[in-house]
C-alpha atoms as a PDB file:
ATOM      1  CA  MET A   1     -35.633  68.772  12.911  1.00  0.00           C
ATOM      2  CA  ARG A   2     -34.170  69.077   9.291  1.00  0.00           C
ATOM      3  CA  ARG A   3     -34.671  66.397   6.714  1.00  0.00           C
ATOM      4  CA  GLY A   4     -33.599  67.097   2.944  1.00  0.00           C
ATOM      5  CA  GLY A   5     -33.283  70.674   3.744  1.00  0.00           C
ATOM      6  CA  LYS A   6     -36.389  71.221   4.725  1.00  0.00           C
ATOM      7  CA  ARG A   7     -37.748  72.063   8.509  1.00  0.00           C
ATOM      8  CA  GLU A   8     -40.051  69.641   9.555  1.00  0.00           C
ATOM      9  CA  SER A   9     -43.483  70.672  11.203  1.00  0.00           C
ATOM     10  CA  GLY A  10     -44.145  69.708  14.718  1.00  0.00           C
ATOM     11  CA  LEU A  11     -47.306  67.895  14.074  1.00  0.00           C
ATOM     12  CA  GLY A  12     -45.422  65.303  11.707  1.00  0.00           C
ATOM     13  CA  GLY A  13     -43.186  64.519  14.654  1.00  0.00           C
ATOM     14  CA  LEU A  14     -45.891  64.237  17.323  1.00  0.00           C
ATOM     15  CA  VAL A  15     -47.732  61.991  14.738  1.00  0.00           C
ATOM     16  CA  ARG A  16     -44.787  59.711  14.381  1.00  0.00           C
ATOM     17  CA  GLY A  17     -44.265  59.740  18.330  1.00  0.00           C
ATOM     18  CA  ILE A  18     -47.963  58.761  18.797  1.00  0.00           C
ATOM     19  CA  ALA A  19     -47.451  56.046  16.248  1.00  0.00           C
ATOM     20  CA  ALA A  20     -44.372  54.729  17.985  1.00  0.00           C
ATOM     21  CA  VAL A  21     -45.993  54.646  21.384  1.00  0.00           C
ATOM     22  CA  VAL A  22     -49.313  52.625  20.108  1.00  0.00           C
ATOM     23  CA  ALA A  23     -47.002  50.254  18.240  1.00  0.00           C
ATOM     24  CA  ALA A  24     -45.012  49.698  21.350  1.00  0.00           C
ATOM     25  CA  CYS A  25     -48.012  49.189  23.544  1.00  0.00           C
ATOM     26  CA  CYS A  26     -49.436  46.658  20.978  1.00  0.00           C
ATOM     27  CA  PHE A  27     -46.068  44.668  20.785  1.00  0.00           C
ATOM     28  CA  GLY A  28     -45.879  45.005  24.590  1.00  0.00           C
ATOM     29  CA  PHE A  29     -49.556  43.507  25.218  1.00  0.00           C
ATOM     30  CA  ALA A  30     -49.007  40.811  22.771  1.00  0.00           C
ATOM     31  CA  TRP A  31     -45.687  39.723  24.658  1.00  0.00           C
ATOM     32  CA  ALA A  32     -47.049  39.970  27.821  1.00  0.00           C
ATOM     33  CA  ALA A  33     -50.119  38.018  27.205  1.00  0.00           C
ATOM     34  CA  GLU A  34     -50.600  34.651  28.889  1.00  0.00           C
ATOM     35  CA  GLU A  35     -49.996  31.375  27.527  1.00  0.00           C
ATOM     36  CA  PRO A  36     -52.789  29.253  27.195  1.00  0.00           C
ATOM     37  CA  PRO A  37     -53.277  26.620  29.707  1.00  0.00           C
ATOM     38  CA  LYS A  38     -51.556  23.033  28.904  1.00  0.00           C
ATOM     39  CA  ALA A  39     -53.341  20.001  29.512  1.00  0.00           C
ATOM     40  CA  GLN A  40     -52.544  18.655  33.000  1.00  0.00           C
ATOM     41  CA  PRO A  41     -51.744  15.200  33.616  1.00  0.00           C
ATOM     42  CA  VAL A  42     -53.543  13.232  36.692  1.00  0.00           C
ATOM     43  CA  GLY A  43     -51.390  11.889  39.368  1.00  0.00           C
ATOM     44  CA  ASP A  44     -52.514   8.366  38.459  1.00  0.00           C
ATOM     45  CA  PRO A  45     -49.944   6.774  35.904  1.00  0.00           C
ATOM     46  CA  ALA A  46     -52.729   4.052  34.839  1.00  0.00           C
ATOM     47  CA  ILE A  47     -55.185   6.724  34.144  1.00  0.00           C
ATOM     48  CA  GLU A  48     -52.657   8.965  32.587  1.00  0.00           C
ATOM     49  CA  ALA A  49     -51.744   6.095  30.240  1.00  0.00           C
ATOM     50  CA  ARG A  50     -55.482   5.449  29.239  1.00  0.00           C
ATOM     51  CA  ALA A  51     -56.027   9.068  28.305  1.00  0.00           C
ATOM     52  CA  LEU A  52     -52.791   9.127  26.287  1.00  0.00           C
ATOM     53  CA  LYS A  53     -53.951   6.259  24.555  1.00  0.00           C
ATOM     54  CA  LEU A  54     -57.385   7.593  24.001  1.00  0.00           C
ATOM     55  CA  GLY A  55     -56.054  10.659  23.132  1.00  0.00           C
ATOM     56  CA  HIS A  56     -53.893   9.505  20.098  1.00  0.00           C
ATOM     57  CA  GLU A  57     -57.535   7.992  18.961  1.00  0.00           C
ATOM     58  CA  LEU A  58     -59.096  11.418  18.922  1.00  0.00           C
ATOM     59  CA  ARG A  59     -58.530  13.946  15.927  1.00  0.00           C
ATOM     60  CA  CYS A  60     -57.856  17.736  17.294  1.00  0.00           C
ATOM     61  CA  LEU A  61     -60.543  19.887  15.719  1.00  0.00           C
ATOM     62  CA  VAL A  62     -58.192  22.517  15.040  1.00  0.00           C
ATOM     63  CA  CYS A  63     -55.485  21.229  13.523  1.00  0.00           C
ATOM     64  CA  GLN A  64     -57.063  18.132  12.087  1.00  0.00           C
ATOM     65  CA  ASN A  65     -53.903  16.501  11.169  1.00  0.00           C
ATOM     66  CA  GLN A  66     -52.871  15.544  14.769  1.00  0.00           C
ATOM     67  CA  SER A  67     -54.307  13.765  17.580  1.00  0.00           C
ATOM     68  CA  ILE A  68     -55.354  15.762  20.786  1.00  0.00           C
ATOM     69  CA  ALA A  69     -52.604  14.135  22.646  1.00  0.00           C
ATOM     70  CA  GLU A  70     -49.948  15.405  20.305  1.00  0.00           C
ATOM     71  CA  SER A  71     -51.789  19.050  19.430  1.00  0.00           C
ATOM     72  CA  ASN A  72     -50.661  22.122  20.937  1.00  0.00           C
ATOM     73  CA  ALA A  73     -54.083  23.976  19.891  1.00  0.00           C
ATOM     74  CA  GLU A  74     -55.833  25.213  23.420  1.00  0.00           C
ATOM     75  CA  LEU A  75     -59.222  23.103  22.287  1.00  0.00           C
ATOM     76  CA  ALA A  76     -56.939  20.061  22.465  1.00  0.00           C
ATOM     77  CA  HIS A  77     -55.719  20.672  25.530  1.00  0.00           C
ATOM     78  CA  ASP A  78     -59.341  21.178  26.839  1.00  0.00           C
ATOM     79  CA  LEU A  79     -60.520  18.030  25.526  1.00  0.00           C
ATOM     80  CA  MET A  80     -57.399  15.985  26.870  1.00  0.00           C
ATOM     81  CA  ASN A  81     -58.345  17.425  30.419  1.00  0.00           C
ATOM     82  CA  GLN A  82     -61.956  16.222  29.718  1.00  0.00           C
ATOM     83  CA  VAL A  83     -60.787  12.933  28.770  1.00  0.00           C
ATOM     84  CA  ARG A  84     -58.650  12.795  31.913  1.00  0.00           C
ATOM     85  CA  GLU A  85     -61.401  13.930  34.278  1.00  0.00           C
ATOM     86  CA  GLN A  86     -63.772  11.782  32.810  1.00  0.00           C
ATOM     87  CA  LEU A  87     -61.458   8.681  33.363  1.00  0.00           C
ATOM     88  CA  ALA A  88     -60.496   9.896  36.727  1.00  0.00           C
ATOM     89  CA  ALA A  89     -64.364   9.994  37.371  1.00  0.00           C
ATOM     90  CA  GLY A  90     -64.610   6.076  36.569  1.00  0.00           C
ATOM     91  CA  LYS A  91     -65.782   6.497  32.884  1.00  0.00           C
ATOM     92  CA  SER A  92     -64.913   3.633  30.527  1.00  0.00           C
ATOM     93  CA  GLU A  93     -62.858   4.629  27.124  1.00  0.00           C
ATOM     94  CA  GLU A  94     -66.165   4.025  25.381  1.00  0.00           C
ATOM     95  CA  GLU A  95     -68.223   6.226  27.319  1.00  0.00           C
ATOM     96  CA  VAL A  96     -65.692   9.079  26.819  1.00  0.00           C
ATOM     97  CA  ARG A  97     -65.359   8.284  23.228  1.00  0.00           C
ATOM     98  CA  ALA A  98     -69.134   8.451  23.066  1.00  0.00           C
ATOM     99  CA  TYR A  99     -69.486  11.411  25.145  1.00  0.00           C
ATOM    100  CA  LEU A 100     -66.928  13.465  22.638  1.00  0.00           C
ATOM    101  CA  VAL A 101     -68.538  11.849  19.637  1.00  0.00           C
ATOM    102  CA  ALA A 102     -72.157  13.016  20.814  1.00  0.00           C
ATOM    103  CA  ARG A 103     -70.363  16.494  21.359  1.00  0.00           C
ATOM    104  CA  TYR A 104     -68.394  16.814  18.141  1.00  0.00           C
ATOM    105  CA  GLY A 105     -69.457  14.076  15.769  1.00  0.00           C
ATOM    106  CA  ASP A 106     -67.563  11.238  14.363  1.00  0.00           C
ATOM    107  CA  PHE A 107     -65.271  13.886  12.778  1.00  0.00           C
ATOM    108  CA  VAL A 108     -63.438  13.534  16.170  1.00  0.00           C
ATOM    109  CA  LEU A 109     -62.816   9.838  15.583  1.00  0.00           C
ATOM    110  CA  TYR A 110     -59.304   9.188  13.487  1.00  0.00           C
ATOM    111  CA  GLN A 111     -61.135   5.570  12.637  1.00  0.00           C
ATOM    112  CA  PRO A 112     -65.083   6.506  12.165  1.00  0.00           C
ATOM    113  CA  PRO A 113     -67.386   3.817  12.249  1.00  0.00           C
ATOM    114  CA  LEU A 114     -69.011   2.398   8.887  1.00  0.00           C
ATOM    115  CA  LYS A 115     -72.218   3.747   8.585  1.00  0.00           C
ATOM    116  CA  ALA A 116     -74.566   5.551   5.900  1.00  0.00           C
ATOM    117  CA  SER A 117     -73.000   8.867   6.895  1.00  0.00           C
ATOM    118  CA  THR A 118     -69.558   7.786   6.768  1.00  0.00           C
ATOM    119  CA  VAL A 119     -69.458   5.430   3.753  1.00  0.00           C
ATOM    120  CA  ALA A 120     -67.937   8.068   1.585  1.00  0.00           C
ATOM    121  CA  LEU A 121     -64.899   8.303   4.198  1.00  0.00           C
ATOM    122  CA  TRP A 122     -64.157   4.250   3.941  1.00  0.00           C
ATOM    123  CA  ALA A 123     -64.878   3.704   0.443  1.00  0.00           C
ATOM    124  CA  GLY A 124     -63.833   6.982  -1.242  1.00  0.00           C
ATOM    125  CA  PRO A 125     -60.169   5.839  -1.671  1.00  0.00           C
ATOM    126  CA  PHE A 126     -61.114   2.374  -3.105  1.00  0.00           C
ATOM    127  CA  VAL A 127     -63.425   4.102  -5.541  1.00  0.00           C
ATOM    128  CA  LEU A 128     -60.643   6.680  -6.660  1.00  0.00           C
ATOM    129  CA  ALA A 129     -58.204   4.293  -6.972  1.00  0.00           C
ATOM    130  CA  LEU A 130     -60.208   1.738  -8.947  1.00  0.00           C
ATOM    131  CA  ALA A 131     -61.353   4.697 -11.256  1.00  0.00           C
ATOM    132  CA  GLY A 132     -57.682   5.594 -11.840  1.00  0.00           C
ATOM    133  CA  VAL A 133     -56.778   2.167 -12.696  1.00  0.00           C
ATOM    134  CA  LEU A 134     -59.590   1.603 -15.143  1.00  0.00           C
ATOM    135  CA  ALA A 135     -58.767   4.945 -16.890  1.00  0.00           C
ATOM    136  CA  LEU A 136     -55.252   3.844 -17.322  1.00  0.00           C
ATOM    137  CA  TRP A 137     -56.381   0.293 -18.712  1.00  0.00           C
ATOM    138  CA  ARG A 138     -58.792   2.168 -21.383  1.00  0.00           C
ATOM    139  CA  VAL A 139     -56.035   4.469 -22.495  1.00  0.00           C
ATOM    140  CA  LEU A 140     -53.064   1.786 -22.583  1.00  0.00           C
ATOM    141  CA  ARG A 141     -55.731  -0.357 -24.710  1.00  0.00           C
ATOM    142  CA  ARG A 142     -56.631   2.226 -26.927  1.00  0.00           C
ATOM    143  CA  ARG A 143     -53.089   3.104 -27.598  1.00  0.00           C
ATOM    144  CA  SER A 144     -52.281  -0.753 -28.159  1.00  0.00           C
ATOM    145  CA  ARG A 145     -55.070  -0.922 -31.167  1.00  0.00           C
ATOM    146  CA  GLU A 146     -53.646   2.447 -32.724  1.00  0.00           C
ATOM    147  CA  GLU A 147     -51.781   1.600 -35.926  1.00  0.00           C
ATOM    148  CA  MET A 148     -48.470   3.298 -36.386  1.00  0.00           C
ATOM    149  CA  PRO A 149     -48.494   5.170 -39.578  1.00  0.00           C
ATOM    150  CA  ALA A 150     -46.061   3.485 -42.471  1.00  0.00           C
ATOM    151  CA  LEU A 151     -43.019   5.298 -43.117  1.00  0.00           C
ATOM    152  CA  SER A 152     -42.549   6.668 -46.784  1.00  0.00           C
ATOM    153  CA  ALA A 153     -39.416   5.314 -48.531  1.00  0.00           C
ATOM    154  CA  GLU A 154     -37.447   8.542 -48.249  1.00  0.00           C
ATOM    155  CA  GLU A 155     -38.293   8.696 -44.272  1.00  0.00           C
ATOM    156  CA  ALA A 156     -37.192   4.810 -44.049  1.00  0.00           C
ATOM    157  CA  ALA A 157     -33.894   5.502 -45.479  1.00  0.00           C
ATOM    158  CA  ARG A 158     -33.142   8.746 -43.617  1.00  0.00           C
ATOM    159  CA  ALA A 159     -34.130   6.542 -40.232  1.00  0.00           C
ATOM    160  CA  GLN A 160     -31.510   3.967 -41.564  1.00  0.00           C
ATOM    161  CA  ALA A 161     -28.718   6.527 -42.255  1.00  0.00           C
ATOM    162  CA  LEU A 162     -29.314   8.208 -38.849  1.00  0.00           C
ATOM    163  CA  LEU A 163     -28.930   4.806 -36.940  1.00  0.00           C
ATOM    164  CA  ARG A 164     -25.629   4.256 -38.894  1.00  0.00           C
ATOM    165  CA  GLY A 165     -24.444   7.595 -37.748  1.00  0.00           C
ATOM    166  CA  GLU A 166     -24.766   9.007 -41.031  1.00  0.00           C
ATOM    167  CA  GLY A 167     -26.226  12.550 -41.435  1.00  0.00           C
ATOM    168  CA  LYS A 168     -24.711  13.852 -38.677  1.00  0.00           C
ATOM    169  CA  GLU A 169     -22.969  16.342 -40.892  1.00  0.00           C
ATOM    170  CA  GLU A 170     -26.245  17.576 -42.116  1.00  0.00           C
ATOM    171  CA  ARG A 171     -27.324  19.025 -39.074  1.00  0.00           C
ATOM    172  CA  SER A 172     -23.872  20.844 -38.235  1.00  0.00           C
END
């Protein structure tokens, strides 16, 4: 082969060929990888409704912004399958919730219970909002107490002239 007037060595072409084969294999394996298993609904519509209701109350530990019923993460599908299996086995929603909290902590709940370890989660937004209101109040109070410096006679005359529309010629 010729490139730019020079003959290409056989080794460069071989390296490029091997790189192309390796890249094709990598993309091929990634494309052929099987899709993770989806959550499988149970046959009983009543259990499925209970599972979906409970699934909307539990946070996806991967996404953290979706419930396990909404998430496409593999862990969320596994958790939804566990919820369905336990409900089908006759456990109540509270028992399933307690099982998941024991395994993953209060973080799995969208509304964690109020206790010593979660006080900051419940009180934090209110404390921050109160601190913001107090800071704004202090700034406004301090600003209202400040006296505006008096204008000199020259500055007052210039301001009056500007208000009457005079002095525009000076700028142009």
